[in-house]
Amino acid sequence: MRRANMHVDPFECVEGLLIETKIQQLLKRLQSSAIHVLVNMHLVLSHHQSPFRYL
């Protein structure tokens, strides 16, 4: 573990930002695909006679 010093390495900052944006992009992709899956499931369930309708 390194001690927190006042000198900030600019390369570390850039790397951190790159990682952050990559994570945000991944999250956005996951979000949109999850929404896509939910919509598809809803369409499939409403299309077919759902067994839950009779419960």
PDB file of N, CA and C in Angstrom:
ATOM      1  N   MET A   1       0.839  -1.196   0.000  1.00  0.00           N
ATOM      2  CA  MET A   1       0.000   0.000   0.000  1.00  0.00           C
ATOM      3  C   MET A   1       0.871   1.242   0.000  1.00  0.00           C
ATOM      4  N   ARG A   2       0.585   2.177  -0.898  1.00  0.00           N
ATOM      5  CA  ARG A   2       1.397   3.387  -0.961  1.00  0.00           C
ATOM      6  C   ARG A   2       0.798   4.464  -0.077  1.00  0.00           C
ATOM      7  N   ARG A   3       1.678   5.309   0.444  1.00  0.00           N
ATOM      8  CA  ARG A   3       1.193   6.433   1.233  1.00  0.00           C
ATOM      9  C   ARG A   3       0.639   7.494   0.292  1.00  0.00           C
ATOM     10  N   ALA A   4      -0.393   8.171   0.737  1.00  0.00           N
ATOM     11  CA  ALA A   4      -0.968   9.240  -0.084  1.00  0.00           C
ATOM     12  C   ALA A   4      -0.036  10.443  -0.020  1.00  0.00           C
ATOM     13  N   ASN A   5       0.574  10.769  -1.135  1.00  0.00           N
ATOM     14  CA  ASN A   5       1.464  11.929  -1.154  1.00  0.00           C
ATOM     15  C   ASN A   5       0.860  13.033  -2.014  1.00  0.00           C
ATOM     16  N   MET A   6       1.396  14.225  -1.918  1.00  0.00           N
ATOM     17  CA  MET A   6       0.830  15.371  -2.612  1.00  0.00           C
ATOM     18  C   MET A   6       1.090  15.306  -4.111  1.00  0.00           C
ATOM     19  N   HIS A   7       2.151  14.598  -4.496  1.00  0.00           N
ATOM     20  CA  HIS A   7       2.475  14.523  -5.925  1.00  0.00           C
ATOM     21  C   HIS A   7       1.518  13.568  -6.622  1.00  0.00           C
ATOM     22  N   VAL A   8       0.805  14.070  -7.623  1.00  0.00           N
ATOM     23  CA  VAL A   8      -0.140  13.235  -8.361  1.00  0.00           C
ATOM     24  C   VAL A   8       0.452  12.898  -9.718  1.00  0.00           C
ATOM     25  N   ASP A   9       0.478  11.619 -10.033  1.00  0.00           N
ATOM     26  CA  ASP A   9       1.006  11.178 -11.324  1.00  0.00           C
ATOM     27  C   ASP A   9      -0.065  11.381 -12.384  1.00  0.00           C
ATOM     28  N   PRO A  10       0.188  12.246 -13.376  1.00  0.00           N
ATOM     29  CA  PRO A  10      -0.826  12.514 -14.399  1.00  0.00           C
ATOM     30  C   PRO A  10      -1.228  11.256 -15.165  1.00  0.00           C
ATOM     31  N   PHE A  11      -0.277  10.337 -15.364  1.00  0.00           N
ATOM     32  CA  PHE A  11      -0.592   9.115 -16.095  1.00  0.00           C
ATOM     33  C   PHE A  11      -1.580   8.263 -15.307  1.00  0.00           C
ATOM     34  N   GLU A  12      -1.412   8.264 -13.986  1.00  0.00           N
ATOM     35  CA  GLU A  12      -2.345   7.507 -13.148  1.00  0.00           C
ATOM     36  C   GLU A  12      -3.750   8.092 -13.254  1.00  0.00           C
ATOM     37  N   CYS A  13      -3.822   9.424 -13.277  1.00  0.00           N
ATOM     38  CA  CYS A  13      -5.126  10.086 -13.387  1.00  0.00           C
ATOM     39  C   CYS A  13      -5.795   9.711 -14.703  1.00  0.00           C
ATOM     40  N   VAL A  14      -5.038   9.757 -15.788  1.00  0.00           N
ATOM     41  CA  VAL A  14      -5.587   9.429 -17.106  1.00  0.00           C
ATOM     42  C   VAL A  14      -6.058   7.984 -17.118  1.00  0.00           C
ATOM     43  N   GLU A  15      -5.235   7.107 -16.547  1.00  0.00           N
ATOM     44  CA  GLU A  15      -5.600   5.688 -16.523  1.00  0.00           C
ATOM     45  C   GLU A  15      -6.892   5.484 -15.736  1.00  0.00           C
ATOM     46  N   GLY A  16      -6.997   6.178 -14.603  1.00  0.00           N
ATOM     47  CA  GLY A  16      -8.200   6.075 -13.781  1.00  0.00           C
ATOM     48  C   GLY A  16      -9.429   6.544 -14.544  1.00  0.00           C
ATOM     49  N   LEU A  17      -9.279   7.649 -15.279  1.00  0.00           N
ATOM     50  CA  LEU A  17     -10.401   8.179 -16.054  1.00  0.00           C
ATOM     51  C   LEU A  17     -10.808   7.203 -17.145  1.00  0.00           C
ATOM     52  N   LEU A  18      -9.821   6.614 -17.807  1.00  0.00           N
ATOM     53  CA  LEU A  18     -10.112   5.654 -18.873  1.00  0.00           C
ATOM     54  C   LEU A  18     -10.890   4.471 -18.314  1.00  0.00           C
ATOM     55  N   ILE A  19     -10.428   3.963 -17.171  1.00  0.00           N
ATOM     56  CA  ILE A  19     -11.101   2.825 -16.539  1.00  0.00           C
ATOM     57  C   ILE A  19     -12.533   3.206 -16.181  1.00  0.00           C
ATOM     58  N   GLU A  20     -12.694   4.437 -15.656  1.00  0.00           N
ATOM     59  CA  GLU A  20     -14.016   4.897 -15.243  1.00  0.00           C
ATOM     60  C   GLU A  20     -14.972   4.954 -16.433  1.00  0.00           C
ATOM     61  N   THR A  21     -14.484   5.512 -17.550  1.00  0.00           N
ATOM     62  CA  THR A  21     -15.357   5.627 -18.722  1.00  0.00           C
ATOM     63  C   THR A  21     -15.679   4.251 -19.275  1.00  0.00           C
ATOM     64  N   LYS A  22     -14.704   3.340 -19.228  1.00  0.00           N
ATOM     65  CA  LYS A  22     -14.960   1.977 -19.709  1.00  0.00           C
ATOM     66  C   LYS A  22     -16.043   1.326 -18.881  1.00  0.00           C
ATOM     67  N   ILE A  23     -15.974   1.504 -17.557  1.00  0.00           N
ATOM     68  CA  ILE A  23     -16.976   0.928 -16.660  1.00  0.00           C
ATOM     69  C   ILE A  23     -18.344   1.520 -16.955  1.00  0.00           C
ATOM     70  N   GLN A  24     -18.385   2.848 -17.175  1.00  0.00           N
ATOM     71  CA  GLN A  24     -19.667   3.501 -17.465  1.00  0.00           C
ATOM     72  C   GLN A  24     -20.256   2.978 -18.763  1.00  0.00           C
ATOM     73  N   GLN A  25     -19.401   2.777 -19.774  1.00  0.00           N
ATOM     74  CA  GLN A  25     -19.873   2.243 -21.051  1.00  0.00           C
ATOM     75  C   GLN A  25     -20.444   0.840 -20.857  1.00  0.00           C
ATOM     76  N   LEU A  26     -19.729   0.024 -20.071  1.00  0.00           N
ATOM     77  CA  LEU A  26     -20.199  -1.336 -19.799  1.00  0.00           C
ATOM     78  C   LEU A  26     -21.554  -1.311 -19.099  1.00  0.00           C
ATOM     79  N   LEU A  27     -21.687  -0.416 -18.113  1.00  0.00           N
ATOM     80  CA  LEU A  27     -22.946  -0.328 -17.377  1.00  0.00           C
ATOM     81  C   LEU A  27     -24.083   0.076 -18.292  1.00  0.00           C
ATOM     82  N   LYS A  28     -23.809   1.039 -19.187  1.00  0.00           N
ATOM     83  CA  LYS A  28     -24.850   1.480 -20.124  1.00  0.00           C
ATOM     84  C   LYS A  28     -25.269   0.325 -21.016  1.00  0.00           C
ATOM     85  N   ARG A  29     -24.270  -0.438 -21.485  1.00  0.00           N
ATOM     86  CA  ARG A  29     -24.567  -1.577 -22.358  1.00  0.00           C
ATOM     87  C   ARG A  29     -25.405  -2.610 -21.611  1.00  0.00           C
ATOM     88  N   LEU A  30     -25.011  -2.890 -20.368  1.00  0.00           N
ATOM     89  CA  LEU A  30     -25.748  -3.866 -19.562  1.00  0.00           C
ATOM     90  C   LEU A  30     -27.182  -3.401 -19.344  1.00  0.00           C
ATOM     91  N   GLN A  31     -27.323  -2.095 -19.061  1.00  0.00           N
ATOM     92  CA  GLN A  31     -28.644  -1.528 -18.806  1.00  0.00           C
ATOM     93  C   GLN A  31     -29.539  -1.698 -20.019  1.00  0.00           C
ATOM     94  N   SER A  32     -29.024  -1.322 -21.195  1.00  0.00           N
ATOM     95  CA  SER A  32     -29.855  -1.383 -22.402  1.00  0.00           C
ATOM     96  C   SER A  32     -30.193  -2.832 -22.751  1.00  0.00           C
ATOM     97  N   SER A  33     -29.240  -3.751 -22.566  1.00  0.00           N
ATOM     98  CA  SER A  33     -29.530  -5.155 -22.889  1.00  0.00           C
ATOM     99  C   SER A  33     -30.512  -5.738 -21.879  1.00  0.00           C
ATOM    100  N   ALA A  34     -30.419  -5.311 -20.624  1.00  0.00           N
ATOM    101  CA  ALA A  34     -31.357  -5.790 -19.606  1.00  0.00           C
ATOM    102  C   ALA A  34     -32.763  -5.312 -19.931  1.00  0.00           C
ATOM    103  N   ILE A  35     -32.882  -4.051 -20.338  1.00  0.00           N
ATOM    104  CA  ILE A  35     -34.186  -3.507 -20.718  1.00  0.00           C
ATOM    105  C   ILE A  35     -34.736  -4.283 -21.911  1.00  0.00           C
ATOM    106  N   HIS A  36     -33.851  -4.574 -22.867  1.00  0.00           N
ATOM    107  CA  HIS A  36     -34.237  -5.325 -24.067  1.00  0.00           C
ATOM    108  C   HIS A  36     -34.800  -6.691 -23.669  1.00  0.00           C
ATOM    109  N   VAL A  37     -34.095  -7.362 -22.767  1.00  0.00           N
ATOM    110  CA  VAL A  37     -34.527  -8.693 -22.317  1.00  0.00           C
ATOM    111  C   VAL A  37     -35.878  -8.611 -21.607  1.00  0.00           C
ATOM    112  N   LEU A  38     -36.023  -7.593 -20.752  1.00  0.00           N
ATOM    113  CA  LEU A  38     -37.291  -7.452 -20.024  1.00  0.00           C
ATOM    114  C   LEU A  38     -38.448  -7.206 -20.970  1.00  0.00           C
ATOM    115  N   VAL A  39     -38.214  -6.352 -21.973  1.00  0.00           N
ATOM    116  CA  VAL A  39     -39.273  -6.062 -22.947  1.00  0.00           C
ATOM    117  C   VAL A  39     -39.641  -7.331 -23.717  1.00  0.00           C
ATOM    118  N   ASN A  40     -38.618  -8.073 -24.131  1.00  0.00           N
ATOM    119  CA  ASN A  40     -38.877  -9.319 -24.860  1.00  0.00           C
ATOM    120  C   ASN A  40     -39.671 -10.299 -24.005  1.00  0.00           C
ATOM    121  N   MET A  41     -39.269 -10.443 -22.747  1.00  0.00           N
ATOM    122  CA  MET A  41     -39.981 -11.351 -21.850  1.00  0.00           C
ATOM    123  C   MET A  41     -41.436 -10.934 -21.707  1.00  0.00           C
ATOM    124  N   HIS A  42     -41.645  -9.632 -21.551  1.00  0.00           N
ATOM    125  CA  HIS A  42     -43.008  -9.118 -21.393  1.00  0.00           C
ATOM    126  C   HIS A  42     -43.832  -9.429 -22.636  1.00  0.00           C
ATOM    127  N   LEU A  43     -43.235  -9.218 -23.813  1.00  0.00           N
ATOM    128  CA  LEU A  43     -43.949  -9.481 -25.064  1.00  0.00           C
ATOM    129  C   LEU A  43     -44.290 -10.964 -25.181  1.00  0.00           C
ATOM    130  N   VAL A  44     -43.308 -11.807 -24.851  1.00  0.00           N
ATOM    131  CA  VAL A  44     -43.538 -13.257 -24.945  1.00  0.00           C
ATOM    132  C   VAL A  44     -44.644 -13.681 -23.986  1.00  0.00           C
ATOM    133  N   LEU A  45     -44.575 -13.175 -22.752  1.00  0.00           N
ATOM    134  CA  LEU A  45     -45.577 -13.564 -21.753  1.00  0.00           C
ATOM    135  C   LEU A  45     -46.967 -13.066 -22.122  1.00  0.00           C
ATOM    136  N   SER A  46     -47.042 -11.865 -22.683  1.00  0.00           N
ATOM    137  CA  SER A  46     -48.364 -11.332 -23.018  1.00  0.00           C
ATOM    138  C   SER A  46     -48.883 -11.954 -24.307  1.00  0.00           C
ATOM    139  N   HIS A  47     -47.969 -12.449 -25.134  1.00  0.00           N
ATOM    140  CA  HIS A  47     -48.369 -13.065 -26.398  1.00  0.00           C
ATOM    141  C   HIS A  47     -49.018 -14.423 -26.150  1.00  0.00           C
ATOM    142  N   HIS A  48     -48.332 -15.253 -25.354  1.00  0.00           N
ATOM    143  CA  HIS A  48     -48.829 -16.610 -25.117  1.00  0.00           C
ATOM    144  C   HIS A  48     -49.790 -16.625 -23.939  1.00  0.00           C
ATOM    145  N   GLN A  49     -50.569 -17.686 -23.869  1.00  0.00           N
ATOM    146  CA  GLN A  49     -51.444 -17.841 -22.714  1.00  0.00           C
ATOM    147  C   GLN A  49     -50.566 -18.131 -21.501  1.00  0.00           C
ATOM    148  N   SER A  50     -50.486 -17.157 -20.619  1.00  0.00           N
ATOM    149  CA  SER A  50     -49.622 -17.304 -19.458  1.00  0.00           C
ATOM    150  C   SER A  50     -50.324 -18.092 -18.356  1.00  0.00           C
ATOM    151  N   PRO A  51     -49.638 -19.073 -17.776  1.00  0.00           N
ATOM    152  CA  PRO A  51     -50.241 -19.861 -16.694  1.00  0.00           C
ATOM    153  C   PRO A  51     -50.519 -19.013 -15.464  1.00  0.00           C
ATOM    154  N   PHE A  52     -49.795 -17.889 -15.330  1.00  0.00           N
ATOM    155  CA  PHE A  52     -49.978 -17.047 -14.150  1.00  0.00           C
ATOM    156  C   PHE A  52     -51.333 -16.339 -14.172  1.00  0.00           C
ATOM    157  N   ARG A  53     -51.945 -16.293 -15.347  1.00  0.00           N
ATOM    158  CA  ARG A  53     -53.215 -15.595 -15.473  1.00  0.00           C
ATOM    159  C   ARG A  53     -54.303 -16.289 -14.650  1.00  0.00           C
ATOM    160  N   TYR A  54     -54.142 -17.603 -14.494  1.00  0.00           N
ATOM    161  CA  TYR A  54     -55.203 -18.369 -13.840  1.00  0.00           C
ATOM    162  C   TYR A  54     -54.936 -18.614 -12.363  1.00  0.00           C
ATOM    163  N   LEU A  55     -53.866 -18.039 -11.843  1.00  0.00           N
ATOM    164  CA  LEU A  55     -53.553 -18.261 -10.431  1.00  0.00           C
ATOM    165  C   LEU A  55     -54.390 -17.344  -9.545  1.00  0.00           C
TER     166      LEU A  55
END
